[in-house]
Protein backbone atom coordinates (compact mmCIF):
# COMPACT_ATOMS: atom_id res chain seq x y z
CA UNK A 1 0.00 0.00 0.00
CA UNK A 2 1.16 3.53 -0.75
CA UNK A 3 0.81 5.18 2.65
CA UNK A 4 1.63 8.65 1.35
CA UNK A 5 -1.16 8.35 -1.22
CA UNK A 6 -3.56 7.15 1.49
CA UNK A 7 -2.74 10.28 3.49
CA UNK A 8 -3.37 12.49 0.47
CA UNK A 9 -6.68 10.73 -0.20
CA UNK A 10 -7.83 11.33 3.39
CA UNK A 11 -6.84 15.00 3.16
CA UNK A 12 -8.69 15.45 -0.13
CA UNK A 13 -11.80 13.80 1.26
CA UNK A 14 -11.62 16.10 4.27
CA UNK A 15 -11.53 19.17 2.00
CA UNK A 16 -14.54 17.84 0.08
CA UNK A 17 -16.35 17.61 3.43
CA UNK A 18 -15.50 21.22 4.34
CA UNK A 19 -12.32 20.58 6.30
CA UNK A 20 -8.71 21.51 5.79
CA UNK A 21 -6.22 19.60 3.62
CA UNK A 22 -4.31 17.83 6.39
CA UNK A 23 -4.20 14.16 7.35
CA UNK A 24 -2.02 11.64 9.16
CA UNK A 25 -1.48 7.92 8.74
CA UNK A 26 0.47 6.06 11.44
CA UNK A 27 2.13 2.89 10.16
CA UNK A 28 4.03 0.17 12.00
CA UNK A 29 5.51 -2.92 10.37
CA UNK A 30 3.72 -2.16 7.11
CA UNK A 31 0.29 -1.96 8.74
CA UNK A 32 -1.84 1.12 9.34
CA UNK A 33 -2.41 1.53 13.08
CA UNK A 34 -4.45 4.72 12.80
CA UNK A 35 -5.42 7.46 10.40
CA UNK A 36 -7.21 10.74 10.72
CA UNK A 37 -7.99 13.98 8.99
CA UNK A 38 -7.66 17.36 10.63
CA UNK A 39 -10.99 18.17 12.36
CA UNK A 40 -10.26 21.67 13.67
CA UNK A 41 -12.63 23.42 11.25
CA UNK A 42 -15.48 20.97 11.76
CA UNK A 43 -15.29 20.85 15.56
CA UNK A 44 -13.85 24.26 16.47
CA UNK A 45 -11.44 22.28 18.65
CA UNK A 46 -7.91 23.69 18.30
CA UNK A 47 -6.46 20.35 19.45
CA UNK A 48 -8.19 18.31 16.72
CA UNK A 49 -5.13 18.18 14.49
CA UNK A 50 -4.82 15.05 12.37
CA UNK A 51 -1.65 13.85 14.09
CA UNK A 52 -3.14 14.24 17.57
CA UNK A 53 -6.33 12.39 16.62
CA UNK A 54 -4.36 9.58 14.98
CA UNK A 55 -2.05 9.23 18.00
CA UNK A 56 -5.09 9.00 20.28
CA UNK A 57 -6.54 6.28 18.04
CA UNK A 58 -3.27 4.33 17.86
CA UNK A 59 -2.29 4.64 21.53
CA UNK A 60 -4.25 1.62 22.81
CA UNK A 61 -2.35 -0.65 20.42
CA UNK A 62 0.94 0.56 21.95
CA UNK A 63 -0.12 -0.12 25.53
CA UNK A 64 1.78 -2.96 27.16
CA UNK A 65 -0.16 -6.15 27.82
CA UNK A 66 -0.90 -6.86 31.47
C-alpha atoms as a PDB file:
ATOM      1  CA  UNK A   1       0.000   0.000   0.000  1.00  0.00           C
ATOM      2  CA  UNK A   2       1.158   3.526  -0.753  1.00  0.00           C
ATOM      3  CA  UNK A   3       0.807   5.178   2.651  1.00  0.00           C
ATOM      4  CA  UNK A   4       1.626   8.653   1.350  1.00  0.00           C
ATOM      5  CA  UNK A   5      -1.157   8.351  -1.222  1.00  0.00           C
ATOM      6  CA  UNK A   6      -3.559   7.152   1.487  1.00  0.00           C
ATOM      7  CA  UNK A   7      -2.740  10.277   3.493  1.00  0.00           C
ATOM      8  CA  UNK A   8      -3.371  12.493   0.465  1.00  0.00           C
ATOM      9  CA  UNK A   9      -6.680  10.731  -0.204  1.00  0.00           C
ATOM     10  CA  UNK A  10      -7.828  11.330   3.386  1.00  0.00           C
ATOM     11  CA  UNK A  11      -6.838  15.001   3.165  1.00  0.00           C
ATOM     12  CA  UNK A  12      -8.694  15.450  -0.134  1.00  0.00           C
ATOM     13  CA  UNK A  13     -11.798  13.800   1.259  1.00  0.00           C
ATOM     14  CA  UNK A  14     -11.617  16.095   4.272  1.00  0.00           C
ATOM     15  CA  UNK A  15     -11.532  19.166   1.999  1.00  0.00           C
ATOM     16  CA  UNK A  16     -14.542  17.837   0.080  1.00  0.00           C
ATOM     17  CA  UNK A  17     -16.347  17.612   3.425  1.00  0.00           C
ATOM     18  CA  UNK A  18     -15.500  21.220   4.343  1.00  0.00           C
ATOM     19  CA  UNK A  19     -12.317  20.579   6.298  1.00  0.00           C
ATOM     20  CA  UNK A  20      -8.705  21.510   5.789  1.00  0.00           C
ATOM     21  CA  UNK A  21      -6.215  19.595   3.615  1.00  0.00           C
ATOM     22  CA  UNK A  22      -4.313  17.825   6.390  1.00  0.00           C
ATOM     23  CA  UNK A  23      -4.203  14.161   7.352  1.00  0.00           C
ATOM     24  CA  UNK A  24      -2.024  11.645   9.160  1.00  0.00           C
ATOM     25  CA  UNK A  25      -1.484   7.921   8.744  1.00  0.00           C
ATOM     26  CA  UNK A  26       0.470   6.056  11.441  1.00  0.00           C
ATOM     27  CA  UNK A  27       2.132   2.891  10.159  1.00  0.00           C
ATOM     28  CA  UNK A  28       4.026   0.166  11.995  1.00  0.00           C
ATOM     29  CA  UNK A  29       5.505  -2.919  10.374  1.00  0.00           C
ATOM     30  CA  UNK A  30       3.722  -2.161   7.105  1.00  0.00           C
ATOM     31  CA  UNK A  31       0.287  -1.956   8.741  1.00  0.00           C
ATOM     32  CA  UNK A  32      -1.841   1.124   9.343  1.00  0.00           C
ATOM     33  CA  UNK A  33      -2.410   1.534  13.076  1.00  0.00           C
ATOM     34  CA  UNK A  34      -4.450   4.716  12.796  1.00  0.00           C
ATOM     35  CA  UNK A  35      -5.422   7.455  10.396  1.00  0.00           C
ATOM     36  CA  UNK A  36      -7.211  10.742  10.721  1.00  0.00           C
ATOM     37  CA  UNK A  37      -7.987  13.984   8.989  1.00  0.00           C
ATOM     38  CA  UNK A  38      -7.665  17.363  10.632  1.00  0.00           C
ATOM     39  CA  UNK A  39     -10.990  18.170  12.363  1.00  0.00           C
ATOM     40  CA  UNK A  40     -10.256  21.669  13.672  1.00  0.00           C
ATOM     41  CA  UNK A  41     -12.627  23.419  11.245  1.00  0.00           C
ATOM     42  CA  UNK A  42     -15.480  20.970  11.758  1.00  0.00           C
ATOM     43  CA  UNK A  43     -15.293  20.852  15.560  1.00  0.00           C
ATOM     44  CA  UNK A  44     -13.852  24.262  16.470  1.00  0.00           C
ATOM     45  CA  UNK A  45     -11.438  22.279  18.646  1.00  0.00           C
ATOM     46  CA  UNK A  46      -7.910  23.686  18.303  1.00  0.00           C
ATOM     47  CA  UNK A  47      -6.462  20.346  19.447  1.00  0.00           C
ATOM     48  CA  UNK A  48      -8.189  18.312  16.720  1.00  0.00           C
ATOM     49  CA  UNK A  49      -5.129  18.176  14.488  1.00  0.00           C
ATOM     50  CA  UNK A  50      -4.818  15.053  12.367  1.00  0.00           C
ATOM     51  CA  UNK A  51      -1.654  13.847  14.086  1.00  0.00           C
ATOM     52  CA  UNK A  52      -3.138  14.240  17.569  1.00  0.00           C
ATOM     53  CA  UNK A  53      -6.330  12.390  16.622  1.00  0.00           C
ATOM     54  CA  UNK A  54      -4.363   9.582  14.979  1.00  0.00           C
ATOM     55  CA  UNK A  55      -2.054   9.235  17.997  1.00  0.00           C
ATOM     56  CA  UNK A  56      -5.090   8.997  20.276  1.00  0.00           C
ATOM     57  CA  UNK A  57      -6.545   6.281  18.041  1.00  0.00           C
ATOM     58  CA  UNK A  58      -3.270   4.330  17.864  1.00  0.00           C
ATOM     59  CA  UNK A  59      -2.291   4.638  21.530  1.00  0.00           C
ATOM     60  CA  UNK A  60      -4.251   1.620  22.808  1.00  0.00           C
ATOM     61  CA  UNK A  61      -2.348  -0.651  20.423  1.00  0.00           C
ATOM     62  CA  UNK A  62       0.937   0.560  21.953  1.00  0.00           C
ATOM     63  CA  UNK A  63      -0.121  -0.116  25.533  1.00  0.00           C
ATOM     64  CA  UNK A  64       1.776  -2.963  27.159  1.00  0.00           C
ATOM     65  CA  UNK A  65      -0.162  -6.146  27.818  1.00  0.00           C
ATOM     66  CA  UNK A  66      -0.904  -6.857  31.472  1.00  0.00           C
END
